[in-house]
């Protein structure tokens, strides 16, 4: 190695003269020579210049120098460079090697970038596993970012309750100098998705309290909806029963028991604390009423569809067809519809033809986020009935692992349409961390894939050698 050129390149690097540093460090090597430290610094300088493919190649050259070591840091930087270059699949391979290096002192950096890579590939479940691993890494000085990204993944998977816990934990780990407003806003959106409107209003108020955080149009709409829901409960008009009692001479402030207005039963009357009904809040009652009305509407629509399909079956196939219909058979079959749904995800096609017509675009997107691309599926069982069926299948993922799914279906004419998709996760425990590349879910603008953060973190590694 040309030691003079190498020292000049190091000085140029320390002076942030990235172009001169790249030129000198490259010229310091002899043809075919391996020089881990020179290539490490050269990769960092390329990252500063925004030449991500060249940076990835420099880090790969540094890895060829086995005497230099620092495999974890080099693989992490290479993965970040590949991710910034738009090569997410290659980035996953490099970052997985980084977290596999037991001597790597800061694996949370690689896990965070790995989560971002999986998100780019549309693999939200593995992204959440990576972010969870970053959050629980003891070397991570600021786990709030990874926890916030984990909450975003949970939201995209339709697991609002889990998202709430992730965001609340993120708030617990923020420092006084960190801005909490965005996390409060994300927590509020998770509360809305979980139908916890009082808590949502409070979280939105925290997010906007200091006036520095501007809600997006979607978040503002959710905030307005949550406030209206709370106001409708607290400002509810008197019921017919209230009006009847008032007309009978019982005012709202009178000290009487409406269950025993004459006071005849005395101590035999049960205390509200001993009656389960009285532990139910007004909000719970309103929500249950909404659910009941939704079920009644669904039954009316389903009944009409069933009646029409029943008449068609009678006309076309007679008694044998009716028997098959009542026993849950149809065309296309439940198995075929489930397989077509996964094929559509792999091909990037619209999932709408395979789901119930009442499903919104957002709900279809949630199902799309849950489904893996490129998986081979095999149906392991089907529970049939005339109007509802459940398909159980196993998807062999491209990573070599398997994932079980439960597909709920609703009768559509003589065929079937998907109404819900639920992945059969293992318990949300450390077992997930061990099985999914080491860990257990809105996109974050803070993911460490920018050249500045990559070069800064790895530059310190090189300088310390």
Protein backbone atom coordinates (compact mmCIF):
# COMPACT_ATOMS: atom_id res chain seq x y z
CA UNK A 1 0.00 0.00 0.00
CA UNK A 2 1.12 3.55 -0.73
CA UNK A 3 1.20 4.74 2.87
CA UNK A 4 1.65 8.41 1.94
CA UNK A 5 -1.45 8.38 -0.28
CA UNK A 6 -3.38 6.53 2.44
CA UNK A 7 -2.51 9.14 5.10
CA UNK A 8 -3.41 11.94 2.70
CA UNK A 9 -6.73 10.23 2.00
CA UNK A 10 -7.45 9.96 5.73
CA UNK A 11 -6.75 13.68 6.20
CA UNK A 12 -9.04 14.55 3.31
CA UNK A 13 -11.72 12.34 4.88
CA UNK A 14 -11.36 14.08 8.24
CA UNK A 15 -11.64 17.45 6.49
CA UNK A 16 -14.89 16.27 4.79
CA UNK A 17 -13.31 16.58 1.32
CA UNK A 18 -15.13 13.46 0.15
CA UNK A 19 -14.18 13.51 -3.54
CA UNK A 20 -10.46 13.94 -2.81
CA UNK A 21 -10.66 11.29 -0.09
CA UNK A 22 -12.14 8.76 -2.52
CA UNK A 23 -9.47 9.47 -5.12
CA UNK A 24 -6.53 9.24 -2.71
CA UNK A 25 -7.77 6.16 -0.84
CA UNK A 26 -8.43 4.33 -4.10
CA UNK A 27 -4.96 5.24 -5.38
CA UNK A 28 -3.30 4.06 -2.18
CA UNK A 29 -4.06 0.41 -3.00
CA UNK A 30 -1.99 -1.73 -5.34
CA UNK A 31 -3.87 -3.77 -8.00
CA UNK A 32 -5.50 -6.78 -6.32
CA UNK A 33 -4.49 -5.60 -2.84
CA UNK A 34 -6.99 -5.84 0.04
CA UNK A 35 -7.07 -2.96 2.51
CA UNK A 36 -10.04 -3.04 4.85
CA UNK A 37 -9.58 0.33 6.53
CA UNK A 38 -8.99 2.21 3.25
CA UNK A 39 -12.05 0.62 1.62
CA UNK A 40 -14.15 1.24 4.74
CA UNK A 41 -13.35 4.96 4.66
CA UNK A 42 -13.78 5.02 0.88
CA UNK A 43 -17.27 3.50 1.23
CA UNK A 44 -18.21 6.14 3.80
CA UNK A 45 -17.01 8.91 1.49
CA UNK A 46 -19.02 7.45 -1.42
CA UNK A 47 -22.11 7.48 0.84
CA UNK A 48 -21.52 11.16 1.56
CA UNK A 49 -21.34 11.79 -2.18
CA UNK A 50 -24.61 9.91 -2.75
CA UNK A 51 -22.92 7.24 -4.91
CA UNK A 52 -24.59 4.30 -3.22
CA UNK A 53 -23.65 1.49 -5.63
CA UNK A 54 -19.99 2.53 -5.45
CA UNK A 55 -20.25 2.63 -1.65
CA UNK A 56 -21.68 -0.91 -1.56
CA UNK A 57 -18.80 -2.13 -3.75
CA UNK A 58 -16.24 -0.44 -1.48
CA UNK A 59 -17.71 -2.06 1.64
CA UNK A 60 -17.67 -5.43 -0.15
CA UNK A 61 -13.95 -4.91 -0.89
CA UNK A 62 -13.34 -4.11 2.77
CA UNK A 63 -15.04 -7.38 3.76
CA UNK A 64 -12.51 -9.26 1.62
CA UNK A 65 -9.80 -8.19 4.10
CA UNK A 66 -10.48 -10.76 6.83
CA UNK A 67 -7.67 -9.41 8.98
CA UNK A 68 -9.46 -6.05 9.25
CA UNK A 69 -12.54 -7.56 10.92
CA UNK A 70 -15.57 -5.40 11.66
CA UNK A 71 -17.81 -7.68 9.62
CA UNK A 72 -21.00 -6.56 11.36
CA UNK A 73 -20.40 -2.85 10.79
CA UNK A 74 -19.30 -3.37 7.17
CA UNK A 75 -22.29 -5.60 6.35
CA UNK A 76 -24.63 -3.10 7.98
CA UNK A 77 -23.16 -0.22 5.95
CA UNK A 78 -23.28 -2.26 2.78
CA UNK A 79 -26.93 -3.11 3.46
CA UNK A 80 -27.74 0.56 3.96
CA UNK A 81 -25.98 1.48 0.73
CA UNK A 82 -27.88 -1.20 -1.20
CA UNK A 83 -31.15 -0.04 0.36
CA UNK A 84 -30.43 3.57 -0.64
CA UNK A 85 -29.65 2.32 -4.17
CA UNK A 86 -33.09 0.70 -4.37
CA UNK A 87 -31.83 -2.88 -4.07
CA UNK A 88 -33.94 -3.92 -1.07
CA UNK A 89 -33.65 -7.68 -1.57
CA UNK A 90 -29.83 -7.52 -1.67
CA UNK A 91 -29.96 -5.23 1.37
CA UNK A 92 -31.88 -7.88 3.33
CA UNK A 93 -29.12 -10.41 2.67
CA UNK A 94 -26.36 -8.04 3.78
CA UNK A 95 -28.19 -6.82 6.87
CA UNK A 96 -29.04 -10.38 7.91
CA UNK A 97 -25.31 -11.15 7.80
CA UNK A 98 -24.68 -8.08 9.96
CA UNK A 99 -27.02 -9.19 12.76
CA UNK A 100 -25.52 -12.66 12.58
CA UNK A 101 -22.10 -11.34 13.64
CA UNK A 102 -21.95 -11.99 17.39
CA UNK A 103 -19.06 -9.52 17.77
CA UNK A 104 -21.07 -6.64 16.28
CA UNK A 105 -21.56 -4.18 19.14
CA UNK A 106 -24.57 -2.25 17.77
CA UNK A 107 -26.89 -4.69 15.97
CA UNK A 108 -29.88 -2.37 16.47
CA UNK A 109 -28.55 -0.27 13.56
CA UNK A 110 -28.75 -3.27 11.22
CA UNK A 111 -32.16 -4.33 12.59
CA UNK A 112 -33.57 -0.84 11.97
CA UNK A 113 -32.32 -0.81 8.37
CA UNK A 114 -33.56 -4.40 7.95
CA UNK A 115 -37.05 -3.32 8.99
CA UNK A 116 -36.99 -0.56 6.38
CA UNK A 117 -35.83 -3.04 3.70
CA UNK A 118 -38.66 -5.46 4.50
CA UNK A 119 -41.14 -2.57 4.35
CA UNK A 120 -39.91 -1.71 0.85
CA UNK A 121 -40.49 -5.34 -0.13
CA UNK A 122 -44.03 -5.26 1.31
CA UNK A 123 -43.20 -7.84 4.00
CA UNK A 124 -44.77 -5.97 6.92
CA UNK A 125 -44.64 -8.90 9.35
CA UNK A 126 -40.87 -9.38 9.05
CA UNK A 127 -40.42 -5.60 9.15
CA UNK A 128 -42.19 -5.58 12.51
CA UNK A 129 -40.00 -8.43 13.76
CA UNK A 130 -36.87 -6.48 12.80
CA UNK A 131 -38.08 -3.27 14.47
CA UNK A 132 -38.92 -5.21 17.65
CA UNK A 133 -35.38 -6.64 17.68
CA UNK A 134 -33.96 -3.13 17.32
CA UNK A 135 -36.12 -1.90 20.20
CA UNK A 136 -35.08 -4.62 22.65
CA UNK A 137 -31.36 -4.41 21.79
CA UNK A 138 -29.65 -3.29 25.00
CA UNK A 139 -27.11 -1.27 23.01
CA UNK A 140 -29.85 0.91 21.48
CA UNK A 141 -29.68 4.29 23.25
CA UNK A 142 -33.00 5.48 21.79
CA UNK A 143 -35.46 2.59 21.31
CA UNK A 144 -38.43 4.94 20.89
CA UNK A 145 -37.87 5.18 17.13
CA UNK A 146 -37.91 1.40 16.64
CA UNK A 147 -40.99 1.07 18.88
CA UNK A 148 -42.78 3.73 16.84
CA UNK A 149 -41.94 1.88 13.61
CA UNK A 150 -43.18 -1.34 15.24
CA UNK A 151 -46.48 0.39 16.03
CA UNK A 152 -46.77 1.44 12.39
CA UNK A 153 -46.35 -2.16 11.29
CA UNK A 154 -49.02 -3.33 13.74
CA UNK A 155 -51.40 -0.72 12.30
CA UNK A 156 -50.81 -1.93 8.75
CA UNK A 157 -51.45 -5.49 9.92
CA UNK A 158 -54.79 -4.43 11.43
CA UNK A 159 -53.62 -5.00 15.02
CA UNK A 160 -54.61 -1.63 16.53
CA UNK A 161 -54.50 -2.81 20.16
CA UNK A 162 -50.90 -4.00 19.74
CA UNK A 163 -50.06 -0.71 18.01
CA UNK A 164 -51.40 1.21 21.02
CA UNK A 165 -49.05 -0.65 23.35
CA UNK A 166 -46.07 -0.11 21.02
CA UNK A 167 -46.69 3.65 20.82
CA UNK A 168 -47.27 3.97 24.57
CA UNK A 169 -44.00 2.16 25.24
CA UNK A 170 -42.26 4.44 22.73
CA UNK A 171 -43.45 7.46 24.71
CA UNK A 172 -42.03 5.90 27.87
CA UNK A 173 -38.59 5.66 26.26
CA UNK A 174 -38.40 9.14 24.77
CA UNK A 175 -36.06 11.64 26.39
CA UNK A 176 -37.05 15.20 27.36
CA UNK A 177 -35.12 16.48 24.33
CA UNK A 178 -36.99 14.26 21.85
CA UNK A 179 -40.11 15.46 20.08
CA UNK A 180 -43.05 13.32 21.19
CA UNK A 181 -45.74 14.99 19.07
CA UNK A 182 -45.60 12.58 16.13
CA UNK A 183 -45.76 9.56 18.45
CA UNK A 184 -48.76 11.08 20.25
CA UNK A 185 -50.47 11.55 16.88
CA UNK A 186 -49.77 7.95 15.85
CA UNK A 187 -51.04 6.76 19.23
CA UNK A 188 -54.23 8.77 18.73
CA UNK A 189 -54.82 7.16 15.32
CA UNK A 190 -54.32 3.72 16.90
CA UNK A 191 -56.87 4.61 19.60
CA UNK A 192 -59.38 5.60 16.89
CA UNK A 193 -58.78 2.29 15.08
CA UNK A 194 -59.36 0.49 18.40
CA UNK A 195 -62.55 2.56 18.95
CA UNK A 196 -61.21 4.15 22.13
CA UNK A 197 -62.41 7.66 21.34
CA UNK A 198 -61.89 9.36 24.71
CA UNK A 199 -58.26 8.29 24.75
CA UNK A 200 -57.88 9.28 21.10
CA UNK A 201 -59.07 12.83 21.81
CA UNK A 202 -56.63 13.11 24.72
CA UNK A 203 -53.72 11.83 22.59
CA UNK A 204 -54.53 14.24 19.74
CA UNK A 205 -54.61 17.08 22.29
CA UNK A 206 -51.11 16.12 23.49
CA UNK A 207 -49.84 16.03 19.89
CA UNK A 208 -51.04 19.57 19.14
CA UNK A 209 -50.62 21.15 22.58
CA UNK A 210 -47.51 23.23 21.84
CA UNK A 211 -48.67 24.32 18.39
CA UNK A 212 -45.54 23.06 16.60
CA UNK A 213 -47.04 19.88 15.13
CA UNK A 214 -49.39 20.09 12.14
CA UNK A 215 -51.86 17.22 11.77
CA UNK A 216 -52.18 15.70 8.31
CA UNK A 217 -55.63 15.96 6.65
CA UNK A 218 -56.31 12.30 7.48
CA UNK A 219 -55.27 12.75 11.12
CA UNK A 220 -57.35 15.93 11.42
CA UNK A 221 -60.39 14.07 10.07
CA UNK A 222 -59.85 11.31 12.64
CA UNK A 223 -59.49 13.92 15.41
CA UNK A 224 -62.76 15.60 14.38
CA UNK A 225 -64.54 12.24 14.24
CA UNK A 226 -63.27 11.26 17.69
CA UNK A 227 -64.42 14.56 19.21
CA UNK A 228 -67.85 14.18 17.62
CA UNK A 229 -68.16 10.65 18.99
CA UNK A 230 -67.27 11.80 22.50
CA UNK A 231 -69.60 14.80 22.25
CA UNK A 232 -72.49 12.64 21.05
CA UNK A 233 -72.15 10.48 24.16
CA UNK A 234 -71.73 13.29 26.70
CA UNK A 235 -74.42 15.47 25.10
CA UNK A 236 -76.99 12.76 24.60
CA UNK A 237 -80.65 13.80 24.70
CA UNK A 238 -82.88 12.47 27.54
CA UNK A 239 -84.45 9.14 26.72
CA UNK A 240 -88.20 8.43 26.64
CA UNK A 241 -87.84 6.81 30.07
CA UNK A 242 -86.30 10.00 31.47
CA UNK A 243 -89.17 12.04 30.03
CA UNK A 244 -91.76 9.64 31.48
CA UNK A 245 -90.23 9.83 34.96
CA UNK A 246 -90.04 13.62 34.77
CA UNK A 247 -93.73 13.79 33.81
CA UNK A 248 -94.50 11.58 36.80
CA UNK A 249 -92.84 14.09 39.13
CA UNK A 250 -89.40 12.57 39.45
CA UNK A 251 -86.78 15.17 38.58
CA UNK A 252 -83.25 14.30 37.51
CA UNK A 253 -81.84 15.62 40.78
CA UNK A 254 -84.31 13.79 43.03
CA UNK A 255 -82.87 11.19 45.40
CA UNK A 256 -84.78 8.13 44.28
CA UNK A 257 -83.93 4.75 42.91
CA UNK A 258 -85.54 4.34 39.45
CA UNK A 259 -85.53 0.57 39.98
CA UNK A 260 -87.46 1.04 43.23
CA UNK A 261 -89.18 4.46 43.10
CA UNK A 262 -91.49 3.72 46.05
CA UNK A 263 -88.63 2.53 48.29
CA UNK A 264 -90.52 -0.67 49.07
CA UNK A 265 -87.79 -3.22 48.47
CA UNK A 266 -85.23 -1.72 50.88
CA UNK A 267 -82.04 -3.73 51.24
CA UNK A 268 -83.34 -6.48 48.99
CA UNK A 269 -82.59 -4.30 45.94
CA UNK A 270 -79.18 -5.25 44.48
CA UNK A 271 -76.42 -2.68 44.61
CA UNK A 272 -75.20 -1.38 41.24
CA UNK A 273 -71.69 -2.49 42.21
CA UNK A 274 -72.96 -6.08 42.45
CA UNK A 275 -74.64 -6.02 39.04
CA UNK A 276 -72.49 -6.61 36.00
CA UNK A 277 -74.67 -4.40 33.83
CA UNK A 278 -73.71 -1.27 35.76
CA UNK A 279 -70.01 -1.77 35.02
CA UNK A 280 -70.71 -1.20 31.33
CA UNK A 281 -69.96 2.37 30.21
CA UNK A 282 -72.19 4.47 28.00
CA UNK A 283 -69.56 4.26 25.29
CA UNK A 284 -69.68 0.46 25.42
CA UNK A 285 -73.46 0.52 25.01
CA UNK A 286 -73.29 2.84 22.02
CA UNK A 287 -70.61 0.68 20.41
CA UNK A 288 -72.61 -2.50 21.00
CA UNK A 289 -75.67 -0.87 19.44
CA UNK A 290 -73.62 -0.05 16.35
CA UNK A 291 -72.43 -3.64 16.12
CA UNK A 292 -75.99 -4.95 16.47
CA UNK A 293 -77.25 -2.67 13.72
CA UNK A 294 -74.40 -3.70 11.44
CA UNK A 295 -75.20 -7.38 12.04
CA UNK A 296 -78.90 -6.78 11.28
CA UNK A 297 -78.06 -5.02 8.01
CA UNK A 298 -75.69 -7.81 7.07
CA UNK A 299 -78.35 -10.42 7.77
CA UNK A 300 -80.90 -8.56 5.61
CA UNK A 301 -78.47 -8.34 2.68
CA UNK A 302 -77.28 -11.90 3.15
CA UNK A 303 -80.87 -13.13 3.34
CA UNK A 304 -81.70 -11.50 0.01
CA UNK A 305 -78.61 -12.97 -1.65
CA UNK A 306 -79.36 -16.38 -0.20
CA UNK A 307 -82.97 -16.23 -1.41
CA UNK A 308 -81.96 -15.29 -4.97
CA UNK A 309 -79.22 -17.92 -5.08
CA UNK A 310 -81.65 -20.50 -3.69
CA UNK A 311 -84.19 -19.79 -6.47
CA UNK A 312 -81.47 -20.03 -9.13
CA UNK A 313 -80.30 -23.33 -7.72
CA UNK A 314 -83.82 -24.73 -7.72
CA UNK A 315 -84.24 -23.77 -11.36
CA UNK A 316 -80.86 -25.08 -12.53
CA UNK A 317 -79.94 -28.15 -10.60
CA UNK A 318 -82.92 -29.18 -8.55
CA UNK A 319 -82.71 -31.08 -5.32
CA UNK A 320 -79.09 -32.23 -5.60
CA UNK A 321 -77.85 -28.67 -6.05
CA UNK A 322 -79.86 -27.46 -3.07
CA UNK A 323 -78.36 -30.18 -0.92
CA UNK A 324 -74.83 -29.16 -1.98
CA UNK A 325 -75.61 -25.49 -1.38
CA UNK A 326 -76.93 -26.09 2.13
CA UNK A 327 -73.82 -28.12 2.95
CA UNK A 328 -71.46 -25.31 2.03
CA UNK A 329 -70.47 -26.30 -1.51
CA UNK A 330 -70.31 -23.84 -4.36
CA UNK A 331 -68.41 -22.72 -7.43
CA UNK A 332 -65.74 -21.52 -7.33
CA UNK A 333 -64.90 -23.49 -4.20
CA UNK A 334 -63.54 -22.01 -0.99
CA UNK A 335 -60.14 -23.56 -1.68
CA UNK A 336 -59.98 -22.06 -5.17
CA UNK A 337 -60.89 -18.57 -3.97
CA UNK A 338 -58.23 -18.69 -1.21
CA UNK A 339 -55.53 -19.79 -3.67
CA UNK A 340 -56.61 -17.13 -6.20
CA UNK A 341 -56.31 -14.46 -3.48
CA UNK A 342 -52.68 -15.40 -2.78
CA UNK A 343 -51.92 -15.62 -6.54
CA UNK A 344 -53.32 -12.12 -7.04
CA UNK A 345 -51.00 -10.79 -4.30
CA UNK A 346 -47.99 -12.44 -5.96
CA UNK A 347 -48.91 -11.07 -9.40
CA UNK A 348 -49.68 -7.59 -8.02
CA UNK A 349 -53.30 -7.83 -9.23
CA UNK A 350 -56.36 -6.22 -7.67
CA UNK A 351 -57.74 -8.22 -4.71
CA UNK A 352 -61.23 -6.71 -5.01
CA UNK A 353 -62.69 -9.57 -7.19
CA UNK A 354 -61.96 -12.05 -4.38
CA UNK A 355 -63.35 -10.15 -1.37
CA UNK A 356 -66.87 -9.24 -0.29
CA UNK A 357 -68.34 -6.20 -2.05
CA UNK A 358 -68.94 -4.31 1.21
CA UNK A 359 -65.19 -4.18 1.98
CA UNK A 360 -63.61 -0.71 1.74
CA UNK A 361 -60.40 0.11 -0.10
CA UNK A 362 -58.59 0.54 3.23
CA UNK A 363 -59.74 -2.89 4.41
CA UNK A 364 -58.60 -4.47 1.14
CA UNK A 365 -55.18 -2.80 1.61
CA UNK A 366 -54.94 -4.21 5.14
CA UNK A 367 -55.53 -7.72 3.74
CA UNK A 368 -52.95 -7.07 1.01
CA UNK A 369 -50.40 -6.04 3.66
CA UNK A 370 -51.00 -9.27 5.56
CA UNK A 371 -50.53 -11.54 2.51
CA UNK A 372 -46.97 -12.54 1.49
CA UNK A 373 -45.87 -12.27 -2.14
CA UNK A 374 -44.46 -15.29 -3.93
CA UNK A 375 -45.71 -17.81 -1.38
CA UNK A 376 -46.82 -21.35 -2.25
CA UNK A 377 -50.02 -22.22 -0.41
CA UNK A 378 -51.58 -25.51 0.57
CA UNK A 379 -55.07 -25.84 2.05
CA UNK A 380 -55.04 -27.87 5.28
CA UNK A 381 -58.75 -27.78 6.10
CA UNK A 382 -62.17 -26.24 5.36
CA UNK A 383 -65.13 -25.67 7.72
CA UNK A 384 -68.27 -25.38 5.60
CA UNK A 385 -71.79 -24.10 6.18
CA UNK A 386 -74.49 -22.69 3.91
CA UNK A 387 -73.57 -19.02 4.38
CA UNK A 388 -70.16 -18.88 6.11
CA UNK A 389 -67.01 -20.96 5.67
CA UNK A 390 -63.47 -20.96 7.01
CA UNK A 391 -60.37 -22.09 5.09
CA UNK A 392 -57.17 -23.04 6.88
CA UNK A 393 -53.98 -22.98 4.80
CA UNK A 394 -50.22 -22.90 5.13
CA UNK A 395 -48.06 -20.55 3.03
CA UNK A 396 -44.47 -21.54 2.25
CA UNK A 397 -42.62 -18.21 2.21
CA UNK A 398 -39.70 -17.28 -0.02
CA UNK A 399 -37.47 -17.13 3.07
CA UNK A 400 -38.03 -20.85 3.62
CA UNK A 401 -40.30 -20.48 6.63
CA UNK A 402 -44.02 -21.27 6.83
CA UNK A 403 -46.99 -19.18 7.97
CA UNK A 404 -50.51 -20.42 8.76
CA UNK A 405 -53.56 -18.37 7.79
CA UNK A 406 -57.28 -18.50 8.56
CA UNK A 407 -59.50 -17.23 5.69
CA UNK A 408 -63.10 -16.34 6.61
CA UNK A 409 -65.51 -16.48 3.66
CA UNK A 410 -69.09 -15.40 2.97
CA UNK A 411 -71.49 -16.90 0.45
CA UNK A 412 -71.69 -14.85 -2.78
CA UNK A 413 -74.40 -16.29 -5.05
CA UNK A 414 -73.34 -19.86 -5.61
CA UNK A 415 -69.67 -19.05 -4.91
CA UNK A 416 -67.60 -17.55 -2.09
CA UNK A 417 -65.85 -14.28 -1.32
CA UNK A 418 -63.23 -13.51 1.36
CA UNK A 419 -64.46 -11.48 4.35
CA UNK A 420 -61.33 -11.60 6.55
CA UNK A 421 -57.76 -12.95 6.63
CA UNK A 422 -56.02 -13.72 9.91
CA UNK A 423 -52.41 -14.92 10.17
CA UNK A 424 -51.93 -17.53 12.90
CA UNK A 425 -49.04 -15.93 14.75
CA UNK A 426 -47.04 -17.57 17.48
CA UNK A 427 -47.42 -15.85 20.82
CA UNK A 428 -46.14 -12.28 20.83
CA UNK A 429 -43.10 -13.33 22.79
CA UNK A 430 -39.39 -13.91 22.54
CA UNK A 431 -40.11 -16.95 20.35
CA UNK A 432 -40.91 -14.60 17.48
CA UNK A 433 -37.57 -12.92 18.01
CA UNK A 434 -35.71 -16.21 17.58
CA UNK A 435 -37.60 -17.42 14.51
CA UNK A 436 -37.86 -14.31 12.30
CA UNK A 437 -34.22 -13.22 11.75
CA UNK A 438 -33.92 -12.58 15.49
CA UNK A 439 -36.97 -10.56 16.67
CA UNK A 440 -41.22 -9.91 16.95
CA UNK A 441 -45.83 -4.02 14.44
CA UNK A 442 -46.11 4.73 9.65
CA UNK A 443 -43.39 4.48 7.92
CA UNK A 444 -40.68 6.53 9.56
CA UNK A 445 -38.81 9.38 8.03
CA UNK A 446 -36.05 8.68 10.54
CA UNK A 447 -34.96 5.20 9.39
CA UNK A 448 -31.21 5.08 9.16
CA UNK A 449 -30.78 4.72 5.40
CA UNK A 450 -29.49 8.18 4.56
CA UNK A 451 -25.85 8.54 3.57
CA UNK A 452 -25.20 10.99 6.38
CA UNK A 453 -26.25 8.66 9.17
CA UNK A 454 -24.61 5.62 7.58
CA UNK A 455 -21.31 7.34 7.03
CA UNK A 456 -21.33 8.94 10.46
CA UNK A 457 -21.92 5.70 12.31
CA UNK A 458 -19.43 3.68 10.29
CA UNK A 459 -16.91 6.44 10.07
CA UNK A 460 -16.51 6.36 13.80
CA UNK A 461 -15.96 2.60 13.58
CA UNK A 462 -13.15 3.07 11.09
CA UNK A 463 -11.55 5.92 12.98
CA UNK A 464 -11.50 3.92 16.18
CA UNK A 465 -9.36 1.20 14.65
